[in-house]
Amino acid sequence: MKKIEAIVRPGVFPQIRQALAQHGIDGFSVSEVAGIGNQEGRTGLFRGNKYEMEFHTKLKLEMVVDDSEVAALTDLIVKYASTGKVGDGKIFVYPVEEAIRIRTKEKGAVAVH
């Protein structure tokens, strides 16, 4: 099993969610995160005062999938998350040693689905 962690722009999430559902992925977590990378900060204006915004709001999607699904799902995320501009996000793939469903105590891939 692998954990896919994707950090994307909030505006592309509806398309990604729909594409994941069509692919049969209905279990994943979404968190609102903030960060900075090559996109760097920008200047904002609030009540006539300028201020520096260092961090950009993003969404982090996390899902655990079978190894055989990783390439298709990362390609899907790239397809719908890419705008071609700096700040589109990143995808990380991690190995998962074990998964346990707390309620039933099932282990392995069956605990994820």
Protein backbone atom coordinates (compact mmCIF):
# COMPACT_ATOMS: atom_id res chain seq x y z
CA MET A 1 0.00 0.00 0.00
CA LYS A 2 1.03 3.61 -0.56
CA LYS A 3 -0.09 6.92 0.90
CA ILE A 4 -0.62 9.68 -1.65
CA GLU A 5 -0.40 13.18 -0.25
CA ALA A 6 -1.26 15.98 -2.67
CA ILE A 7 -1.09 19.68 -1.90
CA VAL A 8 -3.22 21.61 -4.41
CA ARG A 9 -4.94 24.92 -5.02
CA PRO A 10 -8.41 25.07 -3.40
CA GLY A 11 -9.98 26.08 -6.72
CA VAL A 12 -9.10 22.78 -8.42
CA PHE A 13 -10.43 20.54 -5.65
CA PRO A 14 -13.98 20.07 -7.06
CA GLN A 15 -12.60 18.67 -10.33
CA ILE A 16 -10.15 16.41 -8.50
CA ARG A 17 -12.87 15.15 -6.17
CA GLN A 18 -15.18 14.34 -9.07
CA ALA A 19 -12.39 12.56 -10.97
CA LEU A 20 -11.44 10.52 -7.88
CA ALA A 21 -15.08 9.49 -7.41
CA GLN A 22 -15.32 8.41 -11.05
CA HIS A 23 -12.16 6.36 -10.51
CA GLY A 24 -13.80 4.65 -7.53
CA ILE A 25 -11.92 6.49 -4.78
CA ASP A 26 -14.42 7.61 -2.16
CA GLY A 27 -12.23 7.55 0.93
CA PHE A 28 -9.69 10.29 1.51
CA SER A 29 -8.95 13.12 3.91
CA VAL A 30 -8.79 16.82 3.10
CA SER A 31 -7.11 19.46 5.27
CA GLU A 32 -6.67 23.17 4.77
CA VAL A 33 -2.97 24.02 4.99
CA ALA A 34 -0.81 27.07 4.41
CA GLY A 35 2.68 27.20 3.05
CA ILE A 36 5.24 28.94 0.92
CA GLY A 37 7.50 27.74 -1.85
CA ASN A 38 8.56 29.08 -5.21
CA GLN A 39 5.32 31.06 -5.33
CA GLU A 40 6.66 33.27 -2.52
CA GLY A 41 4.67 35.85 -0.60
CA ARG A 42 2.61 38.71 -1.93
CA THR A 43 1.44 42.08 -0.68
CA GLY A 44 -2.15 42.44 0.49
CA LEU A 45 -4.34 45.40 1.37
CA PHE A 46 -6.62 45.44 4.44
CA ARG A 47 -8.55 48.60 5.37
CA GLY A 48 -6.11 50.74 3.47
CA ASN A 49 -3.03 49.21 5.07
CA LYS A 50 -0.51 47.13 3.17
CA TYR A 51 0.74 43.90 4.67
CA GLU A 52 2.86 40.96 3.55
CA MET A 53 1.16 37.61 3.12
CA GLU A 54 3.87 35.01 3.45
CA PHE A 55 1.76 31.87 3.21
CA HIS A 56 -0.72 30.67 0.61
CA THR A 57 -3.78 28.61 1.47
CA LYS A 58 -3.79 25.15 -0.10
CA LEU A 59 -5.66 21.90 0.38
CA LYS A 60 -3.89 18.69 1.35
CA LEU A 61 -5.50 15.47 0.10
CA GLU A 62 -4.40 12.22 1.73
CA MET A 63 -5.36 8.70 0.70
CA VAL A 64 -4.01 5.19 1.12
CA VAL A 65 -4.30 3.02 -1.98
CA ASP A 66 -3.03 -0.23 -3.46
CA ASP A 67 0.39 0.04 -5.12
CA SER A 68 -1.23 -0.66 -8.50
CA GLU A 69 -3.37 2.51 -8.25
CA VAL A 70 -0.58 5.02 -7.57
CA ALA A 71 0.37 5.90 -11.14
CA ALA A 72 -3.23 6.34 -12.30
CA LEU A 73 -4.19 8.47 -9.30
CA THR A 74 -1.12 10.70 -9.39
CA ASP A 75 -1.67 11.23 -13.14
CA LEU A 76 -5.31 12.11 -12.42
CA ILE A 77 -4.35 14.64 -9.75
CA VAL A 78 -1.72 16.23 -12.01
CA LYS A 79 -4.25 16.45 -14.86
CA TYR A 80 -6.82 18.36 -12.82
CA ALA A 81 -4.48 20.34 -10.52
CA SER A 82 -2.18 21.74 -13.18
CA THR A 83 -2.71 25.34 -14.25
CA GLY A 84 0.83 25.72 -15.58
CA LYS A 85 1.59 28.46 -13.05
CA VAL A 86 3.92 28.55 -10.06
CA GLY A 87 2.05 27.32 -6.98
CA ASP A 88 0.14 24.39 -8.51
CA GLY A 89 1.31 22.17 -5.65
CA LYS A 90 3.13 18.91 -5.01
CA ILE A 91 2.39 15.20 -4.73
CA PHE A 92 4.24 12.92 -2.33
CA VAL A 93 4.00 9.12 -2.27
CA TYR A 94 4.94 7.18 0.87
CA PRO A 95 5.06 3.47 1.66
CA VAL A 96 2.46 2.29 4.20
CA GLU A 97 3.53 -0.64 6.36
CA GLU A 98 0.16 -1.36 7.93
CA ALA A 99 -3.43 -0.14 8.10
CA ILE A 100 -5.85 -1.11 10.86
CA ARG A 101 -9.59 -0.38 10.97
CA ILE A 102 -10.20 0.37 14.63
CA ARG A 103 -13.87 -0.70 14.73
CA THR A 104 -13.39 -4.18 13.25
CA LYS A 105 -9.67 -4.65 13.89
CA GLU A 106 -9.21 -5.61 10.20
CA LYS A 107 -5.68 -5.18 8.94
CA GLY A 108 -4.06 -4.51 5.58
CA ALA A 109 -5.73 -3.35 2.38
CA VAL A 110 -9.17 -4.48 3.55
CA ALA A 111 -8.95 -1.93 6.38
CA VAL A 112 -8.54 0.89 3.86
CA HIS A 113 -11.49 0.06 1.60
